[in-house]
């Protein structure tokens, strides 16, 4: 069988990690032939793997649209492809052969529904792209997902047979279990996340404001944003500084530093939309306390982990209470 692997979006980060994992898997499969169609990410060709790069796709969204709709399906005919594996959440248009779709975008299937004024991009992804993804899933021969909760929601929302959806957990590097060593002078709360609206920093901020109003101190919060990424996070930083809250806008950290932070802090994870919630798995592997939003992804990832407690994603009062208990016990 000759399979076309379509992933012109991947260039770095998690998408590149997933792409490389499939590549390594297919390197061992010499019974089939593979044609990787990529933009800028480079892979080495083998006797049974051909790699086609089209870097001009990255010039603009229009270049990407033109390639998706006009150019890509011609490669199916040119290389006599038997099946397409799309790693981009949606099938390759006009392919004319059976397709497998790797679905890793949780926005169309998560519990929380963003309104346009809360975050236009997540709203657009759910309302517009989400409909396209669900139609694509219904047409696909097979769907690959990263988590059990995604499989359950796709089966329910797209009304497709359960056997059509396969859970393929992505490759992740988890830290080794280690002895946690909280700061004896003050409790540290840690939230490694970017500045996207659905990461829900504001609920965390409100919980800190409630702690201050209750006269509770002796703690520090560390975020991996700078507070300058976008308008929403700039407003949060301004409010934190005006209220003199103990929030440190540290910015991105290398993985080694992240693992150190897990061992010396309490992970707070208020994000309302995730596919996996990798920091939850990393902190769980270390063995630290976790305060997480009560969402499907978090319940799925935490399982029966005894050091996890949950709060409704926008319930700052409940988060404040959980933090206060950790301050009393750890401080």
C-alpha atoms as a PDB file:
ATOM      1  CA  UNK A   1       0.000   0.000   0.000  1.00  0.00           C
ATOM      2  CA  UNK A   2       1.192   3.530  -0.752  1.00  0.00           C
ATOM      3  CA  UNK A   3       0.167   6.069   1.902  1.00  0.00           C
ATOM      4  CA  UNK A   4       0.378   9.841   1.674  1.00  0.00           C
ATOM      5  CA  UNK A   5       1.053  11.517   5.048  1.00  0.00           C
ATOM      6  CA  UNK A   6      -0.225  15.086   4.868  1.00  0.00           C
ATOM      7  CA  UNK A   7       1.061  17.630   7.398  1.00  0.00           C
ATOM      8  CA  UNK A   8       1.989  20.983   5.865  1.00  0.00           C
ATOM      9  CA  UNK A   9       1.107  22.782   9.115  1.00  0.00           C
ATOM     10  CA  UNK A  10       3.791  21.196  11.309  1.00  0.00           C
ATOM     11  CA  UNK A  11       6.954  23.214  11.803  1.00  0.00           C
ATOM     12  CA  UNK A  12       7.759  23.052  15.536  1.00  0.00           C
ATOM     13  CA  UNK A  13       6.407  22.224  18.991  1.00  0.00           C
ATOM     14  CA  UNK A  14       3.857  19.503  19.631  1.00  0.00           C
ATOM     15  CA  UNK A  15       2.817  19.175  15.985  1.00  0.00           C
ATOM     16  CA  UNK A  16       6.412  18.456  14.972  1.00  0.00           C
ATOM     17  CA  UNK A  17       6.759  15.916  17.791  1.00  0.00           C
ATOM     18  CA  UNK A  18       3.675  14.041  16.588  1.00  0.00           C
ATOM     19  CA  UNK A  19       4.918  14.153  12.974  1.00  0.00           C
ATOM     20  CA  UNK A  20       8.306  12.726  13.981  1.00  0.00           C
ATOM     21  CA  UNK A  21       6.650   9.957  15.986  1.00  0.00           C
ATOM     22  CA  UNK A  22       4.670   8.812  12.943  1.00  0.00           C
ATOM     23  CA  UNK A  23       7.795   9.033  10.807  1.00  0.00           C
ATOM     24  CA  UNK A  24       9.760   6.834  13.211  1.00  0.00           C
ATOM     25  CA  UNK A  25       6.907   4.334  13.300  1.00  0.00           C
ATOM     26  CA  UNK A  26       6.694   4.186   9.510  1.00  0.00           C
ATOM     27  CA  UNK A  27      10.456   3.791   9.130  1.00  0.00           C
ATOM     28  CA  UNK A  28      10.023   0.350  10.666  1.00  0.00           C
ATOM     29  CA  UNK A  29       7.143  -0.542   8.333  1.00  0.00           C
ATOM     30  CA  UNK A  30       8.881  -1.655   5.152  1.00  0.00           C
ATOM     31  CA  UNK A  31       5.801  -3.467   3.845  1.00  0.00           C
ATOM     32  CA  UNK A  32       4.208  -0.152   2.833  1.00  0.00           C
ATOM     33  CA  UNK A  33       5.441   2.920   0.988  1.00  0.00           C
ATOM     34  CA  UNK A  34       4.988   6.451   2.352  1.00  0.00           C
ATOM     35  CA  UNK A  35       4.946   9.890   0.784  1.00  0.00           C
ATOM     36  CA  UNK A  36       5.254  12.705   3.355  1.00  0.00           C
ATOM     37  CA  UNK A  37       3.882  16.033   2.101  1.00  0.00           C
ATOM     38  CA  UNK A  38       5.280  18.834   4.282  1.00  0.00           C
ATOM     39  CA  UNK A  39       6.036  22.541   4.156  1.00  0.00           C
ATOM     40  CA  UNK A  40       9.257  23.496   5.976  1.00  0.00           C
ATOM     41  CA  UNK A  41       9.836  20.570   8.338  1.00  0.00           C
ATOM     42  CA  UNK A  42      12.567  18.290   7.014  1.00  0.00           C
ATOM     43  CA  UNK A  43      12.725  14.508   7.267  1.00  0.00           C
ATOM     44  CA  UNK A  44      15.221  12.088   5.787  1.00  0.00           C
ATOM     45  CA  UNK A  45      14.109   9.911   2.900  1.00  0.00           C
ATOM     46  CA  UNK A  46      14.554   6.123   2.980  1.00  0.00           C
ATOM     47  CA  UNK A  47      14.040   3.334   0.476  1.00  0.00           C
ATOM     48  CA  UNK A  48      10.308   3.298   1.219  1.00  0.00           C
ATOM     49  CA  UNK A  49       9.721   6.880   2.384  1.00  0.00           C
ATOM     50  CA  UNK A  50       9.633   9.863   0.029  1.00  0.00           C
ATOM     51  CA  UNK A  51       9.570  13.384   1.494  1.00  0.00           C
ATOM     52  CA  UNK A  52       8.108  16.314  -0.472  1.00  0.00           C
ATOM     53  CA  UNK A  53       8.668  19.834   0.910  1.00  0.00           C
ATOM     54  CA  UNK A  54       6.734  22.899  -0.240  1.00  0.00           C
ATOM     55  CA  UNK A  55       8.079  25.781   1.910  1.00  0.00           C
ATOM     56  CA  UNK A  56       6.160  28.445  -0.042  1.00  0.00           C
ATOM     57  CA  UNK A  57       2.976  27.247   1.662  1.00  0.00           C
ATOM     58  CA  UNK A  58       4.046  29.204   4.752  1.00  0.00           C
ATOM     59  CA  UNK A  59       4.083  32.561   2.912  1.00  0.00           C
ATOM     60  CA  UNK A  60       0.460  33.336   3.740  1.00  0.00           C
ATOM     61  CA  UNK A  61      -2.932  31.734   4.552  1.00  0.00           C
ATOM     62  CA  UNK A  62      -3.863  32.134   0.885  1.00  0.00           C
ATOM     63  CA  UNK A  63      -0.851  30.089  -0.195  1.00  0.00           C
ATOM     64  CA  UNK A  64      -1.894  27.388   2.278  1.00  0.00           C
ATOM     65  CA  UNK A  65      -5.509  27.463   1.058  1.00  0.00           C
ATOM     66  CA  UNK A  66      -4.410  27.205  -2.574  1.00  0.00           C
ATOM     67  CA  UNK A  67      -2.210  24.203  -1.829  1.00  0.00           C
ATOM     68  CA  UNK A  68      -4.875  22.443   0.264  1.00  0.00           C
ATOM     69  CA  UNK A  69      -7.646  22.926  -2.269  1.00  0.00           C
ATOM     70  CA  UNK A  70      -5.873  22.860  -5.638  1.00  0.00           C
ATOM     71  CA  UNK A  71      -2.411  21.338  -5.531  1.00  0.00           C
ATOM     72  CA  UNK A  72      -2.392  18.674  -2.830  1.00  0.00           C
ATOM     73  CA  UNK A  73      -4.944  16.243  -4.272  1.00  0.00           C
ATOM     74  CA  UNK A  74      -2.993  16.158  -7.553  1.00  0.00           C
ATOM     75  CA  UNK A  75      -0.166  14.496  -5.629  1.00  0.00           C
ATOM     76  CA  UNK A  76      -2.552  11.661  -4.802  1.00  0.00           C
ATOM     77  CA  UNK A  77      -2.918  10.878  -8.498  1.00  0.00           C
ATOM     78  CA  UNK A  78       0.708  11.584  -9.375  1.00  0.00           C
ATOM     79  CA  UNK A  79       2.075   9.111  -6.827  1.00  0.00           C
ATOM     80  CA  UNK A  80      -0.801   6.625  -7.147  1.00  0.00           C
ATOM     81  CA  UNK A  81      -1.725   6.892  -3.493  1.00  0.00           C
ATOM     82  CA  UNK A  82      -3.968   4.226  -1.943  1.00  0.00           C
ATOM     83  CA  UNK A  83      -4.706   6.004   1.363  1.00  0.00           C
ATOM     84  CA  UNK A  84      -4.213   9.437   2.944  1.00  0.00           C
ATOM     85  CA  UNK A  85      -3.248   9.999   6.568  1.00  0.00           C
ATOM     86  CA  UNK A  86      -4.009  13.614   7.448  1.00  0.00           C
ATOM     87  CA  UNK A  87      -2.345  14.862  10.628  1.00  0.00           C
ATOM     88  CA  UNK A  88      -4.154  18.213  10.465  1.00  0.00           C
ATOM     89  CA  UNK A  89      -7.561  17.537  12.105  1.00  0.00           C
ATOM     90  CA  UNK A  90      -9.325  17.533   8.750  1.00  0.00           C
ATOM     91  CA  UNK A  91      -9.262  15.377   5.644  1.00  0.00           C
ATOM     92  CA  UNK A  92      -7.365  16.306   2.489  1.00  0.00           C
ATOM     93  CA  UNK A  93      -9.912  17.881   0.092  1.00  0.00           C
ATOM     94  CA  UNK A  94     -10.762  16.080  -3.156  1.00  0.00           C
ATOM     95  CA  UNK A  95      -8.358  13.188  -2.471  1.00  0.00           C
ATOM     96  CA  UNK A  96     -10.658  10.512  -3.868  1.00  0.00           C
ATOM     97  CA  UNK A  97      -9.140   7.714  -1.748  1.00  0.00           C
ATOM     98  CA  UNK A  98      -9.867   6.407   1.786  1.00  0.00           C
ATOM     99  CA  UNK A  99      -8.561   8.698   4.515  1.00  0.00           C
ATOM    100  CA  UNK A 100      -7.464   8.441   8.137  1.00  0.00           C
ATOM    101  CA  UNK A 101      -7.697  11.679  10.119  1.00  0.00           C
ATOM    102  CA  UNK A 102      -5.592  12.421  13.195  1.00  0.00           C
ATOM    103  CA  UNK A 103      -7.792  14.634  15.392  1.00  0.00           C
ATOM    104  CA  UNK A 104      -5.863  16.529  18.077  1.00  0.00           C
ATOM    105  CA  UNK A 105      -7.780  19.822  18.371  1.00  0.00           C
ATOM    106  CA  UNK A 106     -10.016  19.688  21.445  1.00  0.00           C
ATOM    107  CA  UNK A 107     -11.853  23.004  20.926  1.00  0.00           C
ATOM    108  CA  UNK A 108     -14.815  21.618  18.937  1.00  0.00           C
ATOM    109  CA  UNK A 109     -15.434  18.865  21.503  1.00  0.00           C
ATOM    110  CA  UNK A 110     -14.713  20.468  24.900  1.00  0.00           C
ATOM    111  CA  UNK A 111     -17.424  21.358  27.407  1.00  0.00           C
ATOM    112  CA  UNK A 112     -16.856  25.115  27.434  1.00  0.00           C
ATOM    113  CA  UNK A 113     -18.145  27.163  24.505  1.00  0.00           C
ATOM    114  CA  UNK A 114     -16.307  30.414  23.948  1.00  0.00           C
ATOM    115  CA  UNK A 115     -18.215  33.527  22.957  1.00  0.00           C
ATOM    116  CA  UNK A 116     -16.673  35.801  20.284  1.00  0.00           C
ATOM    117  CA  UNK A 117     -15.823  38.593  22.727  1.00  0.00           C
ATOM    118  CA  UNK A 118     -14.053  36.183  25.099  1.00  0.00           C
ATOM    119  CA  UNK A 119     -11.665  34.942  22.439  1.00  0.00           C
ATOM    120  CA  UNK A 120     -12.349  35.196  18.730  1.00  0.00           C
ATOM    121  CA  UNK A 121      -9.903  32.512  17.664  1.00  0.00           C
ATOM    122  CA  UNK A 122     -11.249  29.711  19.930  1.00  0.00           C
ATOM    123  CA  UNK A 123     -14.815  30.761  19.054  1.00  0.00           C
ATOM    124  CA  UNK A 124     -14.028  30.631  15.329  1.00  0.00           C
ATOM    125  CA  UNK A 125     -12.282  27.266  15.693  1.00  0.00           C
ATOM    126  CA  UNK A 126     -15.268  25.748  17.438  1.00  0.00           C
ATOM    127  CA  UNK A 127     -18.083  27.318  15.437  1.00  0.00           C
ATOM    128  CA  UNK A 128     -16.606  27.336  11.937  1.00  0.00           C
ATOM    129  CA  UNK A 129     -13.613  25.008  11.730  1.00  0.00           C
ATOM    130  CA  UNK A 130     -15.266  22.657  14.220  1.00  0.00           C
ATOM    131  CA  UNK A 131     -18.158  21.998  11.847  1.00  0.00           C
ATOM    132  CA  UNK A 132     -15.682  21.228   9.075  1.00  0.00           C
ATOM    133  CA  UNK A 133     -13.778  18.865  11.371  1.00  0.00           C
ATOM    134  CA  UNK A 134     -16.927  16.984  12.357  1.00  0.00           C
ATOM    135  CA  UNK A 135     -18.023  16.543   8.730  1.00  0.00           C
ATOM    136  CA  UNK A 136     -14.524  15.351   7.925  1.00  0.00           C
ATOM    137  CA  UNK A 137     -14.616  12.857  10.789  1.00  0.00           C
ATOM    138  CA  UNK A 138     -17.931  11.466   9.557  1.00  0.00           C
ATOM    139  CA  UNK A 139     -16.490  10.873   6.095  1.00  0.00           C
ATOM    140  CA  UNK A 140     -13.137   9.452   7.214  1.00  0.00           C
ATOM    141  CA  UNK A 141     -12.469   5.743   7.121  1.00  0.00           C
ATOM    142  CA  UNK A 142     -10.784   5.961  10.522  1.00  0.00           C
ATOM    143  CA  UNK A 143     -10.110   8.609  13.168  1.00  0.00           C
ATOM    144  CA  UNK A 144      -7.086   8.738  15.478  1.00  0.00           C
ATOM    145  CA  UNK A 145      -7.286  10.680  18.750  1.00  0.00           C
ATOM    146  CA  UNK A 146      -4.916  11.261  21.667  1.00  0.00           C
ATOM    147  CA  UNK A 147      -7.175  10.586  24.669  1.00  0.00           C
ATOM    148  CA  UNK A 148     -10.113   8.498  25.827  1.00  0.00           C
ATOM    149  CA  UNK A 149     -12.292  11.509  26.528  1.00  0.00           C
ATOM    150  CA  UNK A 150     -11.784  12.761  22.954  1.00  0.00           C
ATOM    151  CA  UNK A 151     -12.847   9.395  21.604  1.00  0.00           C
ATOM    152  CA  UNK A 152     -15.996   9.377  23.736  1.00  0.00           C
ATOM    153  CA  UNK A 153     -16.970  12.915  22.707  1.00  0.00           C
ATOM    154  CA  UNK A 154     -16.276  12.358  19.011  1.00  0.00           C
ATOM    155  CA  UNK A 155     -18.348   9.179  19.021  1.00  0.00           C
ATOM    156  CA  UNK A 156     -21.168  10.991  20.815  1.00  0.00           C
ATOM    157  CA  UNK A 157     -21.120  14.288  18.915  1.00  0.00           C
ATOM    158  CA  UNK A 158     -20.402  12.912  15.435  1.00  0.00           C
ATOM    159  CA  UNK A 159     -22.623   9.849  15.929  1.00  0.00           C
ATOM    160  CA  UNK A 160     -20.138   7.398  14.512  1.00  0.00           C
ATOM    161  CA  UNK A 161     -19.324   3.825  15.592  1.00  0.00           C
ATOM    162  CA  UNK A 162     -16.872   3.530  18.465  1.00  0.00           C
ATOM    163  CA  UNK A 163     -14.700   1.086  16.523  1.00  0.00           C
ATOM    164  CA  UNK A 164     -14.043   3.797  13.929  1.00  0.00           C
ATOM    165  CA  UNK A 165     -12.063   5.827  16.496  1.00  0.00           C
ATOM    166  CA  UNK A 166      -8.694   4.687  17.831  1.00  0.00           C
ATOM    167  CA  UNK A 167      -6.825   6.209  20.779  1.00  0.00           C
ATOM    168  CA  UNK A 168      -3.174   6.770  19.878  1.00  0.00           C
ATOM    169  CA  UNK A 169      -1.479   8.471  22.800  1.00  0.00           C
ATOM    170  CA  UNK A 170       1.220  10.881  21.587  1.00  0.00           C
ATOM    171  CA  UNK A 171       4.874  10.505  22.572  1.00  0.00           C
ATOM    172  CA  UNK A 172       5.611  12.574  25.658  1.00  0.00           C
ATOM    173  CA  UNK A 173       8.660  12.841  27.867  1.00  0.00           C
ATOM    174  CA  UNK A 174       7.579  12.523  31.473  1.00  0.00           C
ATOM    175  CA  UNK A 175       9.889  13.292  34.404  1.00  0.00           C
ATOM    176  CA  UNK A 176      10.911  10.529  36.741  1.00  0.00           C
ATOM    177  CA  UNK A 177       9.195  10.323  40.152  1.00  0.00           C
ATOM    178  CA  UNK A 178      11.136  12.337  42.696  1.00  0.00           C
ATOM    179  CA  UNK A 179      10.951  13.624  46.223  1.00  0.00           C
ATOM    180  CA  UNK A 180       8.933  16.822  46.323  1.00  0.00           C
ATOM    181  CA  UNK A 181      10.570  19.570  48.331  1.00  0.00           C
ATOM    182  CA  UNK A 182       8.204  22.498  48.962  1.00  0.00           C
ATOM    183  CA  UNK A 183       9.692  25.820  49.976  1.00  0.00           C
ATOM    184  CA  UNK A 184       9.669  25.825  53.811  1.00  0.00           C
ATOM    185  CA  UNK A 185       9.169  29.606  53.900  1.00  0.00           C
ATOM    186  CA  UNK A 186       6.245  30.020  51.512  1.00  0.00           C
ATOM    187  CA  UNK A 187       3.964  27.879  49.348  1.00  0.00           C
ATOM    188  CA  UNK A 188       4.622  28.061  45.622  1.00  0.00           C
ATOM    189  CA  UNK A 189       1.802  27.725  43.080  1.00  0.00           C
ATOM    190  CA  UNK A 190       2.860  27.049  39.516  1.00  0.00           C
ATOM    191  CA  UNK A 191       0.961  27.373  36.229  1.00  0.00           C
ATOM    192  CA  UNK A 192       2.867  26.534  33.032  1.00  0.00           C
ATOM    193  CA  UNK A 193       0.677  27.747  30.167  1.00  0.00           C
ATOM    194  CA  UNK A 194       0.672  30.160  27.258  1.00  0.00           C
ATOM    195  CA  UNK A 195      -1.449  33.299  27.053  1.00  0.00           C
ATOM    196  CA  UNK A 196      -4.430  31.885  25.129  1.00  0.00           C
ATOM    197  CA  UNK A 197      -7.827  32.973  26.449  1.00  0.00           C
ATOM    198  CA  UNK A 198      -8.915  29.410  27.243  1.00  0.00           C
ATOM    199  CA  UNK A 199      -5.952  28.973  29.596  1.00  0.00           C
ATOM    200  CA  UNK A 200      -8.135  30.932  32.026  1.00  0.00           C
ATOM    201  CA  UNK A 201      -5.511  32.951  33.915  1.00  0.00           C
ATOM    202  CA  UNK A 202      -8.236  35.329  35.071  1.00  0.00           C
ATOM    203  CA  UNK A 203      -9.866  32.781  37.373  1.00  0.00           C
ATOM    204  CA  UNK A 204      -6.455  32.176  38.950  1.00  0.00           C
ATOM    205  CA  UNK A 205      -6.034  35.946  39.322  1.00  0.00           C
ATOM    206  CA  UNK A 206      -9.425  36.285  41.030  1.00  0.00           C
ATOM    207  CA  UNK A 207      -8.553  33.481  43.445  1.00  0.00           C
ATOM    208  CA  UNK A 208      -5.391  35.387  44.406  1.00  0.00           C
ATOM    209  CA  UNK A 209      -7.448  38.545  44.922  1.00  0.00           C
ATOM    210  CA  UNK A 210      -9.770  36.644  47.250  1.00  0.00           C
ATOM    211  CA  UNK A 211      -6.793  35.334  49.204  1.00  0.00           C
ATOM    212  CA  UNK A 212      -5.532  38.890  49.614  1.00  0.00           C
ATOM    213  CA  UNK A 213      -8.966  40.111  50.739  1.00  0.00           C
ATOM    214  CA  UNK A 214      -8.961  37.346  53.372  1.00  0.00           C
ATOM    215  CA  UNK A 215      -5.542  38.409  54.615  1.00  0.00           C
ATOM    216  CA  UNK A 216      -3.892  35.214  53.415  1.00  0.00           C
ATOM    217  CA  UNK A 217      -0.259  35.569  52.388  1.00  0.00           C
ATOM    218  CA  UNK A 218       2.880  33.493  52.630  1.00  0.00           C
ATOM    219  CA  UNK A 219       2.591  32.172  49.093  1.00  0.00           C
ATOM    220  CA  UNK A 220       3.853  32.969  45.592  1.00  0.00           C
ATOM    221  CA  UNK A 221       2.470  32.268  42.116  1.00  0.00           C
ATOM    222  CA  UNK A 222       4.692  31.630  39.099  1.00  0.00           C
ATOM    223  CA  UNK A 223       3.299  31.833  35.545  1.00  0.00           C
ATOM    224  CA  UNK A 224       5.145  31.010  32.337  1.00  0.00           C
ATOM    225  CA  UNK A 225       3.799  34.085  30.539  1.00  0.00           C
ATOM    226  CA  UNK A 226       5.491  37.475  30.442  1.00  0.00           C
ATOM    227  CA  UNK A 227       2.232  39.411  30.708  1.00  0.00           C
ATOM    228  CA  UNK A 228       2.883  41.143  27.389  1.00  0.00           C
ATOM    229  CA  UNK A 229       1.667  38.489  24.918  1.00  0.00           C
ATOM    230  CA  UNK A 230      -1.780  39.928  24.137  1.00  0.00           C
ATOM    231  CA  UNK A 231      -4.351  42.437  25.328  1.00  0.00           C
ATOM    232  CA  UNK A 232      -6.061  40.019  27.686  1.00  0.00           C
ATOM    233  CA  UNK A 233      -2.921  38.940  29.494  1.00  0.00           C
ATOM    234  CA  UNK A 234      -1.643  42.545  29.635  1.00  0.00           C
ATOM    235  CA  UNK A 235      -4.834  43.529  31.442  1.00  0.00           C
ATOM    236  CA  UNK A 236      -4.354  40.661  33.896  1.00  0.00           C
ATOM    237  CA  UNK A 237      -0.770  41.699  34.610  1.00  0.00           C
ATOM    238  CA  UNK A 238      -1.818  45.309  35.151  1.00  0.00           C
ATOM    239  CA  UNK A 239      -4.517  44.231  37.605  1.00  0.00           C
ATOM    240  CA  UNK A 240      -2.104  41.946  39.459  1.00  0.00           C
ATOM    241  CA  UNK A 241       0.410  44.783  39.837  1.00  0.00           C
ATOM    242  CA  UNK A 242      -2.247  47.267  40.953  1.00  0.00           C
ATOM    243  CA  UNK A 243      -3.451  44.844  43.638  1.00  0.00           C
ATOM    244  CA  UNK A 244       0.150  44.004  44.579  1.00  0.00           C
ATOM    245  CA  UNK A 245      -0.498  40.291  44.192  1.00  0.00           C
ATOM    246  CA  UNK A 246       2.410  37.828  44.569  1.00  0.00           C
ATOM    247  CA  UNK A 247       2.278  36.715  40.920  1.00  0.00           C
ATOM    248  CA  UNK A 248       5.566  36.365  39.072  1.00  0.00           C
ATOM    249  CA  UNK A 249       5.350  36.598  35.286  1.00  0.00           C
ATOM    250  CA  UNK A 250       8.413  34.452  34.646  1.00  0.00           C
ATOM    251  CA  UNK A 251       7.943  33.683  30.949  1.00  0.00           C
ATOM    252  CA  UNK A 252       8.769  30.420  29.129  1.00  0.00           C
ATOM    253  CA  UNK A 253      11.070  27.913  30.826  1.00  0.00           C
ATOM    254  CA  UNK A 254      13.215  25.030  29.556  1.00  0.00           C
ATOM    255  CA  UNK A 255      11.849  21.573  30.293  1.00  0.00           C
ATOM    256  CA  UNK A 256      14.446  20.878  32.995  1.00  0.00           C
ATOM    257  CA  UNK A 257      13.340  23.976  34.914  1.00  0.00           C
ATOM    258  CA  UNK A 258       9.682  22.991  34.523  1.00  0.00           C
ATOM    259  CA  UNK A 259      10.374  19.622  36.101  1.00  0.00           C
ATOM    260  CA  UNK A 260      12.185  21.334  38.994  1.00  0.00           C
ATOM    261  CA  UNK A 261       9.210  23.632  39.533  1.00  0.00           C
ATOM    262  CA  UNK A 262       6.786  20.714  39.725  1.00  0.00           C
ATOM    263  CA  UNK A 263       8.823  19.185  42.550  1.00  0.00           C
ATOM    264  CA  UNK A 264       8.873  22.397  44.596  1.00  0.00           C
ATOM    265  CA  UNK A 265       5.350  23.721  44.051  1.00  0.00           C
ATOM    266  CA  UNK A 266       1.631  22.996  43.793  1.00  0.00           C
ATOM    267  CA  UNK A 267       0.421  22.818  40.188  1.00  0.00           C
ATOM    268  CA  UNK A 268      -2.677  24.918  39.531  1.00  0.00           C
ATOM    269  CA  UNK A 269      -4.265  24.199  36.152  1.00  0.00           C
ATOM    270  CA  UNK A 270      -7.445  26.221  35.472  1.00  0.00           C
ATOM    271  CA  UNK A 271      -7.461  25.767  31.674  1.00  0.00           C
ATOM    272  CA  UNK A 272     -10.978  25.050  30.437  1.00  0.00           C
ATOM    273  CA  UNK A 273      -9.957  23.462  27.115  1.00  0.00           C
ATOM    274  CA  UNK A 274      -7.156  20.949  26.541  1.00  0.00           C
ATOM    275  CA  UNK A 275      -6.635  17.789  24.565  1.00  0.00           C
ATOM    276  CA  UNK A 276      -4.296  16.163  27.091  1.00  0.00           C
ATOM    277  CA  UNK A 277      -3.135  18.794  29.561  1.00  0.00           C
ATOM    278  CA  UNK A 278       0.494  17.696  29.484  1.00  0.00           C
ATOM    279  CA  UNK A 279       1.529  19.619  32.651  1.00  0.00           C
ATOM    280  CA  UNK A 280      -0.997  17.516  34.585  1.00  0.00           C
ATOM    281  CA  UNK A 281       0.709  14.320  33.466  1.00  0.00           C
ATOM    282  CA  UNK A 282       4.160  15.762  34.155  1.00  0.00           C
ATOM    283  CA  UNK A 283       3.232  16.935  37.655  1.00  0.00           C
ATOM    284  CA  UNK A 284       1.505  13.626  38.351  1.00  0.00           C
ATOM    285  CA  UNK A 285       4.682  11.783  37.344  1.00  0.00           C
ATOM    286  CA  UNK A 286       6.688  13.902  39.798  1.00  0.00           C
ATOM    287  CA  UNK A 287       4.158  13.285  42.574  1.00  0.00           C
ATOM    288  CA  UNK A 288       3.178  16.833  43.446  1.00  0.00           C
ATOM    289  CA  UNK A 289      -0.195  18.246  44.506  1.00  0.00           C
ATOM    290  CA  UNK A 290      -2.483  19.314  41.651  1.00  0.00           C
ATOM    291  CA  UNK A 291      -5.444  21.705  41.658  1.00  0.00           C
ATOM    292  CA  UNK A 292      -7.175  21.305  38.298  1.00  0.00           C
ATOM    293  CA  UNK A 293     -10.242  22.562  36.484  1.00  0.00           C
ATOM    294  CA  UNK A 294     -12.993  19.953  36.641  1.00  0.00           C
ATOM    295  CA  UNK A 295     -13.045  19.175  32.910  1.00  0.00           C
ATOM    296  CA  UNK A 296     -13.138  15.945  30.930  1.00  0.00           C
ATOM    297  CA  UNK A 297      -9.475  16.142  29.933  1.00  0.00           C
ATOM    298  CA  UNK A 298      -8.353  16.608  33.560  1.00  0.00           C
ATOM    299  CA  UNK A 299     -10.483  13.776  34.945  1.00  0.00           C
ATOM    300  CA  UNK A 300      -9.218  11.521  32.174  1.00  0.00           C
ATOM    301  CA  UNK A 301      -5.574  12.418  32.810  1.00  0.00           C
ATOM    302  CA  UNK A 302      -5.704  12.266  36.599  1.00  0.00           C
ATOM    303  CA  UNK A 303      -7.566   8.992  36.924  1.00  0.00           C
ATOM    304  CA  UNK A 304      -7.357   7.903  40.566  1.00  0.00           C
ATOM    305  CA  UNK A 305      -4.386  10.126  41.440  1.00  0.00           C
ATOM    306  CA  UNK A 306      -4.816  10.812  45.158  1.00  0.00           C
ATOM    307  CA  UNK A 307      -3.100  14.207  45.229  1.00  0.00           C
ATOM    308  CA  UNK A 308      -5.465  15.888  42.752  1.00  0.00           C
ATOM    309  CA  UNK A 309      -8.329  18.200  43.702  1.00  0.00           C
ATOM    310  CA  UNK A 310     -10.806  19.825  41.314  1.00  0.00           C
ATOM    311  CA  UNK A 311     -12.743  23.069  40.948  1.00  0.00           C
ATOM    312  CA  UNK A 312     -15.232  24.340  38.394  1.00  0.00           C
ATOM    313  CA  UNK A 313     -13.171  26.212  35.752  1.00  0.00           C
ATOM    314  CA  UNK A 314     -14.561  29.667  36.597  1.00  0.00           C
ATOM    315  CA  UNK A 315     -15.171  29.187  40.324  1.00  0.00           C
ATOM    316  CA  UNK A 316     -12.489  31.441  41.796  1.00  0.00           C
ATOM    317  CA  UNK A 317     -13.949  30.979  45.274  1.00  0.00           C
ATOM    318  CA  UNK A 318     -13.451  27.226  45.192  1.00  0.00           C
ATOM    319  CA  UNK A 319      -9.921  27.617  43.829  1.00  0.00           C
ATOM    320  CA  UNK A 320      -9.193  30.142  46.569  1.00  0.00           C
ATOM    321  CA  UNK A 321     -10.326  27.609  49.194  1.00  0.00           C
ATOM    322  CA  UNK A 322      -8.169  24.844  47.729  1.00  0.00           C
ATOM    323  CA  UNK A 323      -5.131  27.138  47.583  1.00  0.00           C
ATOM    324  CA  UNK A 324      -5.743  28.258  51.155  1.00  0.00           C
ATOM    325  CA  UNK A 325      -5.725  24.635  52.342  1.00  0.00           C
ATOM    326  CA  UNK A 326      -2.420  24.035  50.583  1.00  0.00           C
ATOM    327  CA  UNK A 327      -0.948  27.198  52.128  1.00  0.00           C
ATOM    328  CA  UNK A 328      -1.987  26.032  55.597  1.00  0.00           C
ATOM    329  CA  UNK A 329      -0.628  22.542  55.072  1.00  0.00           C
ATOM    330  CA  UNK A 330       2.532  23.419  53.109  1.00  0.00           C
ATOM    331  CA  UNK A 331       3.358  26.823  54.537  1.00  0.00           C
END
